[in-house]
Amino acid sequence: MATAETEAQAIDWLAKHKGEWDLAVVDLFLKEGHGLGVLEWALGREPRQRVVVLTNSATEAMRTASKQAGADAIFDKSTELEEFFAYCLNVHRPPQSPA
């Protein structure tokens, strides 16, 4: 697990650990750079790797921009934390078959 305060730090860590991570959680607003740049860099990730946005600015425009930049999901920090945690817990769990 790692954290980054800037776009460059995030991309550097992801690049150095290419293929080794399962889930990247990206905020759109960083101390330097932007989360959209991290999302765009991560477009070359492996199919099993997921990138989600967790932000205070989950407007429709930001949701659209995040999806276009490669986000698998977008969550609002103030209203969608339960959904975010559920996503994280189930990101690689195979679907359950009906009983």
PDB file of N, CA and C in Angstrom:
ATOM      1  N   MET A   1       0.849  -1.170   0.000  1.00  0.00           N
ATOM      2  CA  MET A   1       0.000   0.000   0.000  1.00  0.00           C
ATOM      3  C   MET A   1       0.894   1.232   0.000  1.00  0.00           C
ATOM      4  N   ALA A   2       0.455   2.259  -0.721  1.00  0.00           N
ATOM      5  CA  ALA A   2       1.230   3.490  -0.805  1.00  0.00           C
ATOM      6  C   ALA A   2       0.283   4.673  -0.951  1.00  0.00           C
ATOM      7  N   THR A   3       0.794   5.847  -0.651  1.00  0.00           N
ATOM      8  CA  THR A   3       0.036   7.076  -0.875  1.00  0.00           C
ATOM      9  C   THR A   3       0.916   8.048  -1.644  1.00  0.00           C
ATOM     10  N   ALA A   4       0.263   8.963  -2.342  1.00  0.00           N
ATOM     11  CA  ALA A   4       0.986   9.982  -3.105  1.00  0.00           C
ATOM     12  C   ALA A   4       0.208  11.285  -3.003  1.00  0.00           C
ATOM     13  N   GLU A   5       0.935  12.377  -2.937  1.00  0.00           N
ATOM     14  CA  GLU A   5       0.301  13.692  -2.841  1.00  0.00           C
ATOM     15  C   GLU A   5       0.224  14.411  -4.181  1.00  0.00           C
ATOM     16  N   THR A   6       0.997  13.943  -5.153  1.00  0.00           N
ATOM     17  CA  THR A   6       1.031  14.607  -6.455  1.00  0.00           C
ATOM     18  C   THR A   6       0.795  13.594  -7.574  1.00  0.00           C
ATOM     19  N   GLU A   7       0.438  14.119  -8.722  1.00  0.00           N
ATOM     20  CA  GLU A   7       0.255  13.276  -9.902  1.00  0.00           C
ATOM     21  C   GLU A   7       1.548  12.532 -10.232  1.00  0.00           C
ATOM     22  N   ALA A   8       2.663  13.236 -10.201  1.00  0.00           N
ATOM     23  CA  ALA A   8       3.953  12.622 -10.539  1.00  0.00           C
ATOM     24  C   ALA A   8       4.315  11.502  -9.569  1.00  0.00           C
ATOM     25  N   GLN A   9       4.082  11.709  -8.272  1.00  0.00           N
ATOM     26  CA  GLN A   9       4.383  10.668  -7.282  1.00  0.00           C
ATOM     27  C   GLN A   9       3.519   9.433  -7.511  1.00  0.00           C
ATOM     28  N   ALA A  10       2.244   9.660  -7.791  1.00  0.00           N
ATOM     29  CA  ALA A  10       1.334   8.537  -8.019  1.00  0.00           C
ATOM     30  C   ALA A  10       1.749   7.736  -9.251  1.00  0.00           C
ATOM     31  N   ILE A  11       2.020   8.432 -10.335  1.00  0.00           N
ATOM     32  CA  ILE A  11       2.421   7.755 -11.568  1.00  0.00           C
ATOM     33  C   ILE A  11       3.750   7.034 -11.378  1.00  0.00           C
ATOM     34  N   ASP A  12       4.678   7.655 -10.675  1.00  0.00           N
ATOM     35  CA  ASP A  12       5.980   7.036 -10.421  1.00  0.00           C
ATOM     36  C   ASP A  12       5.813   5.726  -9.660  1.00  0.00           C
ATOM     37  N   TRP A  13       4.999   5.741  -8.599  1.00  0.00           N
ATOM     38  CA  TRP A  13       4.804   4.527  -7.801  1.00  0.00           C
ATOM     39  C   TRP A  13       4.119   3.452  -8.635  1.00  0.00           C
ATOM     40  N   LEU A  14       3.051   3.816  -9.335  1.00  0.00           N
ATOM     41  CA  LEU A  14       2.335   2.840 -10.149  1.00  0.00           C
ATOM     42  C   LEU A  14       3.251   2.244 -11.225  1.00  0.00           C
ATOM     43  N   ALA A  15       4.083   3.078 -11.821  1.00  0.00           N
ATOM     44  CA  ALA A  15       5.004   2.605 -12.863  1.00  0.00           C
ATOM     45  C   ALA A  15       6.055   1.652 -12.293  1.00  0.00           C
ATOM     46  N   LYS A  16       6.579   1.986 -11.124  1.00  0.00           N
ATOM     47  CA  LYS A  16       7.605   1.131 -10.490  1.00  0.00           C
ATOM     48  C   LYS A  16       7.020  -0.194 -10.031  1.00  0.00           C
ATOM     49  N   HIS A  17       5.719  -0.246  -9.824  1.00  0.00           N
ATOM     50  CA  HIS A  17       5.056  -1.457  -9.344  1.00  0.00           C
ATOM     51  C   HIS A  17       4.055  -1.985 -10.372  1.00  0.00           C
ATOM     52  N   LYS A  18       4.335  -1.716 -11.623  1.00  0.00           N
ATOM     53  CA  LYS A  18       3.434  -2.105 -12.718  1.00  0.00           C
ATOM     54  C   LYS A  18       3.104  -3.594 -12.611  1.00  0.00           C
ATOM     55  N   GLY A  19       1.842  -3.903 -12.642  1.00  0.00           N
ATOM     56  CA  GLY A  19       1.406  -5.293 -12.564  1.00  0.00           C
ATOM     57  C   GLY A  19       1.335  -5.854 -11.160  1.00  0.00           C
ATOM     58  N   GLU A  20       1.805  -5.114 -10.151  1.00  0.00           N
ATOM     59  CA  GLU A  20       1.852  -5.617  -8.776  1.00  0.00           C
ATOM     60  C   GLU A  20       0.679  -5.142  -7.920  1.00  0.00           C
ATOM     61  N   TRP A  21      -0.057  -4.159  -8.379  1.00  0.00           N
ATOM     62  CA  TRP A  21      -1.156  -3.626  -7.568  1.00  0.00           C
ATOM     63  C   TRP A  21      -2.492  -4.093  -8.121  1.00  0.00           C
ATOM     64  N   ASP A  22      -3.506  -4.114  -7.235  1.00  0.00           N
ATOM     65  CA  ASP A  22      -4.842  -4.565  -7.623  1.00  0.00           C
ATOM     66  C   ASP A  22      -5.828  -3.419  -7.774  1.00  0.00           C
ATOM     67  N   LEU A  23      -5.745  -2.433  -6.882  1.00  0.00           N
ATOM     68  CA  LEU A  23      -6.715  -1.350  -6.848  1.00  0.00           C
ATOM     69  C   LEU A  23      -6.006  -0.040  -6.540  1.00  0.00           C
ATOM     70  N   ALA A  24      -6.208   0.945  -7.391  1.00  0.00           N
ATOM     71  CA  ALA A  24      -5.683   2.294  -7.143  1.00  0.00           C
ATOM     72  C   ALA A  24      -6.878   3.199  -6.880  1.00  0.00           C
ATOM     73  N   VAL A  25      -6.811   3.936  -5.769  1.00  0.00           N
ATOM     74  CA  VAL A  25      -7.854   4.891  -5.414  1.00  0.00           C
ATOM     75  C   VAL A  25      -7.274   6.276  -5.646  1.00  0.00           C
ATOM     76  N   VAL A  26      -7.924   7.037  -6.506  1.00  0.00           N
ATOM     77  CA  VAL A  26      -7.390   8.320  -6.951  1.00  0.00           C
ATOM     78  C   VAL A  26      -8.340   9.445  -6.557  1.00  0.00           C
ATOM     79  N   ASP A  27      -7.783  10.514  -5.977  1.00  0.00           N
ATOM     80  CA  ASP A  27      -8.547  11.739  -5.759  1.00  0.00           C
ATOM     81  C   ASP A  27      -8.261  12.631  -6.966  1.00  0.00           C
ATOM     82  N   LEU A  28      -9.231  13.399  -7.382  1.00  0.00           N
ATOM     83  CA  LEU A  28      -9.038  14.252  -8.551  1.00  0.00           C
ATOM     84  C   LEU A  28      -8.149  15.448  -8.251  1.00  0.00           C
ATOM     85  N   PHE A  29      -8.230  15.966  -7.035  1.00  0.00           N
ATOM     86  CA  PHE A  29      -7.486  17.170  -6.683  1.00  0.00           C
ATOM     87  C   PHE A  29      -6.292  16.812  -5.816  1.00  0.00           C
ATOM     88  N   LEU A  30      -5.111  17.013  -6.374  1.00  0.00           N
ATOM     89  CA  LEU A  30      -3.855  16.676  -5.718  1.00  0.00           C
ATOM     90  C   LEU A  30      -3.074  17.953  -5.427  1.00  0.00           C
ATOM     91  N   LYS A  31      -2.037  17.837  -4.606  1.00  0.00           N
ATOM     92  CA  LYS A  31      -1.220  19.024  -4.303  1.00  0.00           C
ATOM     93  C   LYS A  31      -0.579  19.593  -5.559  1.00  0.00           C
ATOM     94  N   GLU A  32      -0.267  18.713  -6.482  1.00  0.00           N
ATOM     95  CA  GLU A  32       0.343  19.123  -7.745  1.00  0.00           C
ATOM     96  C   GLU A  32      -0.142  18.175  -8.827  1.00  0.00           C
ATOM     97  N   GLY A  33      -0.583  18.702  -9.933  1.00  0.00           N
ATOM     98  CA  GLY A  33      -1.122  17.864 -10.994  1.00  0.00           C
ATOM     99  C   GLY A  33      -2.585  17.573 -10.741  1.00  0.00           C
ATOM    100  N   HIS A  34      -3.089  16.548 -11.400  1.00  0.00           N
ATOM    101  CA  HIS A  34      -4.516  16.235 -11.310  1.00  0.00           C
ATOM    102  C   HIS A  34      -4.722  14.724 -11.373  1.00  0.00           C
ATOM    103  N   GLY A  35      -5.733  14.253 -10.693  1.00  0.00           N
ATOM    104  CA  GLY A  35      -6.045  12.834 -10.706  1.00  0.00           C
ATOM    105  C   GLY A  35      -6.383  12.300 -12.084  1.00  0.00           C
ATOM    106  N   LEU A  36      -6.901  13.156 -12.966  1.00  0.00           N
ATOM    107  CA  LEU A  36      -7.208  12.707 -14.324  1.00  0.00           C
ATOM    108  C   LEU A  36      -5.946  12.239 -15.045  1.00  0.00           C
ATOM    109  N   GLY A  37      -4.821  12.877 -14.756  1.00  0.00           N
ATOM    110  CA  GLY A  37      -3.551  12.445 -15.347  1.00  0.00           C
ATOM    111  C   GLY A  37      -3.152  11.061 -14.868  1.00  0.00           C
ATOM    112  N   VAL A  38      -3.428  10.770 -13.603  1.00  0.00           N
ATOM    113  CA  VAL A  38      -3.144   9.438 -13.057  1.00  0.00           C
ATOM    114  C   VAL A  38      -4.037   8.409 -13.747  1.00  0.00           C
ATOM    115  N   LEU A  39      -5.305   8.741 -13.902  1.00  0.00           N
ATOM    116  CA  LEU A  39      -6.240   7.831 -14.577  1.00  0.00           C
ATOM    117  C   LEU A  39      -5.791   7.550 -15.999  1.00  0.00           C
ATOM    118  N   GLU A  40      -5.409   8.585 -16.719  1.00  0.00           N
ATOM    119  CA  GLU A  40      -4.981   8.414 -18.110  1.00  0.00           C
ATOM    120  C   GLU A  40      -3.725   7.561 -18.195  1.00  0.00           C
ATOM    121  N   TRP A  41      -2.789   7.755 -17.262  1.00  0.00           N
ATOM    122  CA  TRP A  41      -1.582   6.931 -17.261  1.00  0.00           C
ATOM    123  C   TRP A  41      -1.959   5.465 -17.046  1.00  0.00           C
ATOM    124  N   ALA A  42      -2.920   5.229 -16.179  1.00  0.00           N
ATOM    125  CA  ALA A  42      -3.285   3.861 -15.806  1.00  0.00           C
ATOM    126  C   ALA A  42      -4.092   3.131 -16.879  1.00  0.00           C
ATOM    127  N   LEU A  43      -4.372   3.773 -18.006  1.00  0.00           N
ATOM    128  CA  LEU A  43      -5.100   3.097 -19.075  1.00  0.00           C
ATOM    129  C   LEU A  43      -4.365   1.852 -19.561  1.00  0.00           C
ATOM    130  N   GLY A  44      -3.059   1.792 -19.421  1.00  0.00           N
ATOM    131  CA  GLY A  44      -2.268   0.649 -19.856  1.00  0.00           C
ATOM    132  C   GLY A  44      -2.165  -0.457 -18.821  1.00  0.00           C
ATOM    133  N   ARG A  45      -2.982  -0.392 -17.786  1.00  0.00           N
ATOM    134  CA  ARG A  45      -2.918  -1.397 -16.716  1.00  0.00           C
ATOM    135  C   ARG A  45      -3.430  -2.753 -17.211  1.00  0.00           C
ATOM    136  N   GLU A  46      -3.165  -3.772 -16.402  1.00  0.00           N
ATOM    137  CA  GLU A  46      -3.644  -5.110 -16.713  1.00  0.00           C
ATOM    138  C   GLU A  46      -5.157  -5.178 -16.500  1.00  0.00           C
ATOM    139  N   PRO A  47      -5.849  -6.059 -17.207  1.00  0.00           N
ATOM    140  CA  PRO A  47      -7.304  -6.134 -17.099  1.00  0.00           C
ATOM    141  C   PRO A  47      -7.821  -6.359 -15.678  1.00  0.00           C
ATOM    142  N   ARG A  48      -7.075  -7.057 -14.838  1.00  0.00           N
ATOM    143  CA  ARG A  48      -7.532  -7.342 -13.476  1.00  0.00           C
ATOM    144  C   ARG A  48      -7.376  -6.129 -12.553  1.00  0.00           C
ATOM    145  N   GLN A  49      -6.562  -5.162 -12.938  1.00  0.00           N
ATOM    146  CA  GLN A  49      -6.315  -3.999 -12.094  1.00  0.00           C
ATOM    147  C   GLN A  49      -7.449  -2.988 -12.239  1.00  0.00           C
ATOM    148  N   ARG A  50      -7.853  -2.419 -11.112  1.00  0.00           N
ATOM    149  CA  ARG A  50      -8.945  -1.457 -11.091  1.00  0.00           C
ATOM    150  C   ARG A  50      -8.452  -0.105 -10.599  1.00  0.00           C
ATOM    151  N   VAL A  51      -9.041   0.949 -11.149  1.00  0.00           N
ATOM    152  CA  VAL A  51      -8.744   2.320 -10.725  1.00  0.00           C
ATOM    153  C   VAL A  51     -10.071   3.005 -10.454  1.00  0.00           C
ATOM    154  N   VAL A  52     -10.229   3.500  -9.236  1.00  0.00           N
ATOM    155  CA  VAL A  52     -11.461   4.201  -8.875  1.00  0.00           C
ATOM    156  C   VAL A  52     -11.140   5.601  -8.390  1.00  0.00           C
ATOM    157  N   VAL A  53     -12.115   6.473  -8.520  1.00  0.00           N
ATOM    158  CA  VAL A  53     -11.994   7.852  -8.052  1.00  0.00           C
ATOM    159  C   VAL A  53     -12.813   7.985  -6.778  1.00  0.00           C
ATOM    160  N   LEU A  54     -12.208   8.589  -5.752  1.00  0.00           N
ATOM    161  CA  LEU A  54     -12.887   8.930  -4.509  1.00  0.00           C
ATOM    162  C   LEU A  54     -12.663  10.424  -4.320  1.00  0.00           C
ATOM    163  N   THR A  55     -13.723  11.214  -4.426  1.00  0.00           N
ATOM    164  CA  THR A  55     -13.562  12.659  -4.474  1.00  0.00           C
ATOM    165  C   THR A  55     -14.701  13.397  -3.785  1.00  0.00           C
ATOM    166  N   ASN A  56     -14.459  14.632  -3.446  1.00  0.00           N
ATOM    167  CA  ASN A  56     -15.501  15.521  -2.932  1.00  0.00           C
ATOM    168  C   ASN A  56     -16.187  16.252  -4.076  1.00  0.00           C
ATOM    169  N   SER A  57     -15.712  16.056  -5.284  1.00  0.00           N
ATOM    170  CA  SER A  57     -16.237  16.782  -6.443  1.00  0.00           C
ATOM    171  C   SER A  57     -16.799  15.810  -7.472  1.00  0.00           C
ATOM    172  N   ALA A  58     -17.789  15.030  -7.063  1.00  0.00           N
ATOM    173  CA  ALA A  58     -18.358  14.015  -7.950  1.00  0.00           C
ATOM    174  C   ALA A  58     -19.532  14.574  -8.748  1.00  0.00           C
ATOM    175  N   THR A  59     -19.309  15.703  -9.407  1.00  0.00           N
ATOM    176  CA  THR A  59     -20.341  16.280 -10.268  1.00  0.00           C
ATOM    177  C   THR A  59     -20.494  15.397 -11.507  1.00  0.00           C
ATOM    178  N   GLU A  60     -21.565  15.601 -12.238  1.00  0.00           N
ATOM    179  CA  GLU A  60     -21.765  14.821 -13.471  1.00  0.00           C
ATOM    180  C   GLU A  60     -20.613  15.050 -14.446  1.00  0.00           C
ATOM    181  N   ALA A  61     -20.140  16.279 -14.541  1.00  0.00           N
ATOM    182  CA  ALA A  61     -19.026  16.584 -15.444  1.00  0.00           C
ATOM    183  C   ALA A  61     -17.761  15.842 -15.020  1.00  0.00           C
ATOM    184  N   MET A  62     -17.492  15.795 -13.714  1.00  0.00           N
ATOM    185  CA  MET A  62     -16.287  15.106 -13.231  1.00  0.00           C
ATOM    186  C   MET A  62     -16.436  13.597 -13.365  1.00  0.00           C
ATOM    187  N   ARG A  63     -17.653  13.099 -13.175  1.00  0.00           N
ATOM    188  CA  ARG A  63     -17.888  11.660 -13.361  1.00  0.00           C
ATOM    189  C   ARG A  63     -17.625  11.282 -14.833  1.00  0.00           C
ATOM    190  N   THR A  64     -18.131  12.093 -15.751  1.00  0.00           N
ATOM    191  CA  THR A  64     -17.927  11.843 -17.176  1.00  0.00           C
ATOM    192  C   THR A  64     -16.446  11.920 -17.534  1.00  0.00           C
ATOM    193  N   ALA A  65     -15.769  12.966 -17.057  1.00  0.00           N
ATOM    194  CA  ALA A  65     -14.332  13.116 -17.343  1.00  0.00           C
ATOM    195  C   ALA A  65     -13.536  11.955 -16.767  1.00  0.00           C
ATOM    196  N   SER A  66     -13.886  11.512 -15.576  1.00  0.00           N
ATOM    197  CA  SER A  66     -13.178  10.395 -14.936  1.00  0.00           C
ATOM    198  C   SER A  66     -13.376   9.102 -15.715  1.00  0.00           C
ATOM    199  N   LYS A  67     -14.598   8.836 -16.135  1.00  0.00           N
ATOM    200  CA  LYS A  67     -14.872   7.631 -16.927  1.00  0.00           C
ATOM    201  C   LYS A  67     -14.105   7.681 -18.252  1.00  0.00           C
ATOM    202  N   GLN A  68     -14.113   8.854 -18.900  1.00  0.00           N
ATOM    203  CA  GLN A  68     -13.397   9.002 -20.168  1.00  0.00           C
ATOM    204  C   GLN A  68     -11.895   8.833 -19.990  1.00  0.00           C
ATOM    205  N   ALA A  69     -11.375   9.210 -18.816  1.00  0.00           N
ATOM    206  CA  ALA A  69      -9.941   9.083 -18.542  1.00  0.00           C
ATOM    207  C   ALA A  69      -9.565   7.668 -18.105  1.00  0.00           C
ATOM    208  N   GLY A  70     -10.568   6.803 -17.868  1.00  0.00           N
ATOM    209  CA  GLY A  70     -10.258   5.409 -17.574  1.00  0.00           C
ATOM    210  C   GLY A  70     -10.681   4.888 -16.218  1.00  0.00           C
ATOM    211  N   ALA A  71     -11.422   5.659 -15.432  1.00  0.00           N
ATOM    212  CA  ALA A  71     -11.865   5.183 -14.121  1.00  0.00           C
ATOM    213  C   ALA A  71     -12.859   4.041 -14.270  1.00  0.00           C
ATOM    214  N   ASP A  72     -12.719   3.045 -13.414  1.00  0.00           N
ATOM    215  CA  ASP A  72     -13.677   1.942 -13.397  1.00  0.00           C
ATOM    216  C   ASP A  72     -14.930   2.328 -12.615  1.00  0.00           C
ATOM    217  N   ALA A  73     -14.773   3.221 -11.637  1.00  0.00           N
ATOM    218  CA  ALA A  73     -15.904   3.679 -10.830  1.00  0.00           C
ATOM    219  C   ALA A  73     -15.543   5.017 -10.196  1.00  0.00           C
ATOM    220  N   ILE A  74     -16.566   5.787  -9.829  1.00  0.00           N
ATOM    221  CA  ILE A  74     -16.373   7.094  -9.183  1.00  0.00           C
ATOM    222  C   ILE A  74     -17.292   7.148  -7.976  1.00  0.00           C
ATOM    223  N   PHE A  75     -16.733   7.584  -6.830  1.00  0.00           N
ATOM    224  CA  PHE A  75     -17.499   7.665  -5.594  1.00  0.00           C
ATOM    225  C   PHE A  75     -17.321   9.036  -4.958  1.00  0.00           C
ATOM    226  N   ASP A  76     -18.403   9.560  -4.418  1.00  0.00           N
ATOM    227  CA  ASP A  76     -18.396  10.832  -3.702  1.00  0.00           C
ATOM    228  C   ASP A  76     -18.046  10.554  -2.240  1.00  0.00           C
ATOM    229  N   LYS A  77     -17.023  11.244  -1.724  1.00  0.00           N
ATOM    230  CA  LYS A  77     -16.577  11.035  -0.341  1.00  0.00           C
ATOM    231  C   LYS A  77     -17.670  11.327   0.676  1.00  0.00           C
ATOM    232  N   SER A  78     -18.543  12.273   0.372  1.00  0.00           N
ATOM    233  CA  SER A  78     -19.527  12.680   1.372  1.00  0.00           C
ATOM    234  C   SER A  78     -20.819  11.871   1.327  1.00  0.00           C
ATOM    235  N   THR A  79     -21.105  11.200   0.211  1.00  0.00           N
ATOM    236  CA  THR A  79     -22.390  10.500   0.125  1.00  0.00           C
ATOM    237  C   THR A  79     -22.313   9.040  -0.324  1.00  0.00           C
ATOM    238  N   GLU A  80     -21.159   8.581  -0.773  1.00  0.00           N
ATOM    239  CA  GLU A  80     -21.078   7.232  -1.330  1.00  0.00           C
ATOM    240  C   GLU A  80     -19.985   6.371  -0.712  1.00  0.00           C
ATOM    241  N   LEU A  81     -19.661   6.601   0.544  1.00  0.00           N
ATOM    242  CA  LEU A  81     -18.608   5.806   1.187  1.00  0.00           C
ATOM    243  C   LEU A  81     -19.000   4.339   1.338  1.00  0.00           C
ATOM    244  N   GLU A  82     -20.242   4.061   1.675  1.00  0.00           N
ATOM    245  CA  GLU A  82     -20.688   2.669   1.804  1.00  0.00           C
ATOM    246  C   GLU A  82     -20.490   1.923   0.479  1.00  0.00           C
ATOM    247  N   GLU A  83     -20.878   2.563  -0.616  1.00  0.00           N
ATOM    248  CA  GLU A  83     -20.720   1.963  -1.935  1.00  0.00           C
ATOM    249  C   GLU A  83     -19.247   1.773  -2.281  1.00  0.00           C
ATOM    250  N   PHE A  84     -18.427   2.761  -1.906  1.00  0.00           N
ATOM    251  CA  PHE A  84     -16.984   2.669  -2.141  1.00  0.00           C
ATOM    252  C   PHE A  84     -16.394   1.474  -1.402  1.00  0.00           C
ATOM    253  N   PHE A  85     -16.711   1.336  -0.105  1.00  0.00           N
ATOM    254  CA  PHE A  85     -16.175   0.214   0.674  1.00  0.00           C
ATOM    255  C   PHE A  85     -16.661  -1.119   0.124  1.00  0.00           C
ATOM    256  N   ALA A  86     -17.920  -1.191  -0.274  1.00  0.00           N
ATOM    257  CA  ALA A  86     -18.450  -2.431  -0.859  1.00  0.00           C
ATOM    258  C   ALA A  86     -17.708  -2.768  -2.152  1.00  0.00           C
ATOM    259  N   TYR A  87     -17.447  -1.758  -2.972  1.00  0.00           N
ATOM    260  CA  TYR A  87     -16.709  -1.973  -4.218  1.00  0.00           C
ATOM    261  C   TYR A  87     -15.324  -2.538  -3.906  1.00  0.00           C
ATOM    262  N   CYS A  88     -14.639  -1.925  -2.957  1.00  0.00           N
ATOM    263  CA  CYS A  88     -13.285  -2.366  -2.607  1.00  0.00           C
ATOM    264  C   CYS A  88     -13.274  -3.806  -2.100  1.00  0.00           C
ATOM    265  N   LEU A  89     -14.262  -4.162  -1.298  1.00  0.00           N
ATOM    266  CA  LEU A  89     -14.331  -5.518  -0.752  1.00  0.00           C
ATOM    267  C   LEU A  89     -14.647  -6.554  -1.823  1.00  0.00           C
ATOM    268  N   ASN A  90     -15.362  -6.152  -2.851  1.00  0.00           N
ATOM    269  CA  ASN A  90     -15.836  -7.102  -3.855  1.00  0.00           C
ATOM    270  C   ASN A  90     -15.151  -6.987  -5.204  1.00  0.00           C
ATOM    271  N   VAL A  91     -14.127  -6.172  -5.309  1.00  0.00           N
ATOM    272  CA  VAL A  91     -13.534  -5.874  -6.608  1.00  0.00           C
ATOM    273  C   VAL A  91     -13.062  -7.124  -7.367  1.00  0.00           C
ATOM    274  N   HIS A  92     -12.565  -8.124  -6.677  1.00  0.00           N
ATOM    275  CA  HIS A  92     -12.075  -9.323  -7.366  1.00  0.00           C
ATOM    276  C   HIS A  92     -12.825 -10.585  -6.954  1.00  0.00           C
ATOM    277  N   ARG A  93     -13.939 -10.407  -6.277  1.00  0.00           N
ATOM    278  CA  ARG A  93     -14.735 -11.552  -5.865  1.00  0.00           C
ATOM    279  C   ARG A  93     -15.568 -12.029  -7.058  1.00  0.00           C
ATOM    280  N   PRO A  94     -15.516 -13.328  -7.358  1.00  0.00           N
ATOM    281  CA  PRO A  94     -16.318 -13.811  -8.479  1.00  0.00           C
ATOM    282  C   PRO A  94     -17.812 -13.713  -8.164  1.00  0.00           C
ATOM    283  N   PRO A  95     -18.641 -13.520  -9.182  1.00  0.00           N
ATOM    284  CA  PRO A  95     -20.078 -13.438  -8.938  1.00  0.00           C
ATOM    285  C   PRO A  95     -20.598 -14.738  -8.322  1.00  0.00           C
ATOM    286  N   GLN A  96     -21.536 -14.603  -7.407  1.00  0.00           N
ATOM    287  CA  GLN A  96     -22.121 -15.784  -6.783  1.00  0.00           C
ATOM    288  C   GLN A  96     -23.245 -16.311  -7.670  1.00  0.00           C
ATOM    289  N   SER A  97     -23.302 -17.621  -7.776  1.00  0.00           N
ATOM    290  CA  SER A  97     -24.383 -18.215  -8.565  1.00  0.00           C
ATOM    291  C   SER A  97     -25.627 -18.307  -7.685  1.00  0.00           C
ATOM    292  N   PRO A  98     -26.801 -18.222  -8.291  1.00  0.00           N
ATOM    293  CA  PRO A  98     -28.039 -18.307  -7.522  1.00  0.00           C
ATOM    294  C   PRO A  98     -28.164 -19.654  -6.836  1.00  0.00           C
ATOM    295  N   ALA A  99     -28.724 -19.656  -5.661  1.00  0.00           N
ATOM    296  CA  ALA A  99     -28.868 -20.903  -4.891  1.00  0.00           C
ATOM    297  C   ALA A  99     -30.053 -21.695  -5.354  1.00  0.00           C
TER     298      ALA A  99
END
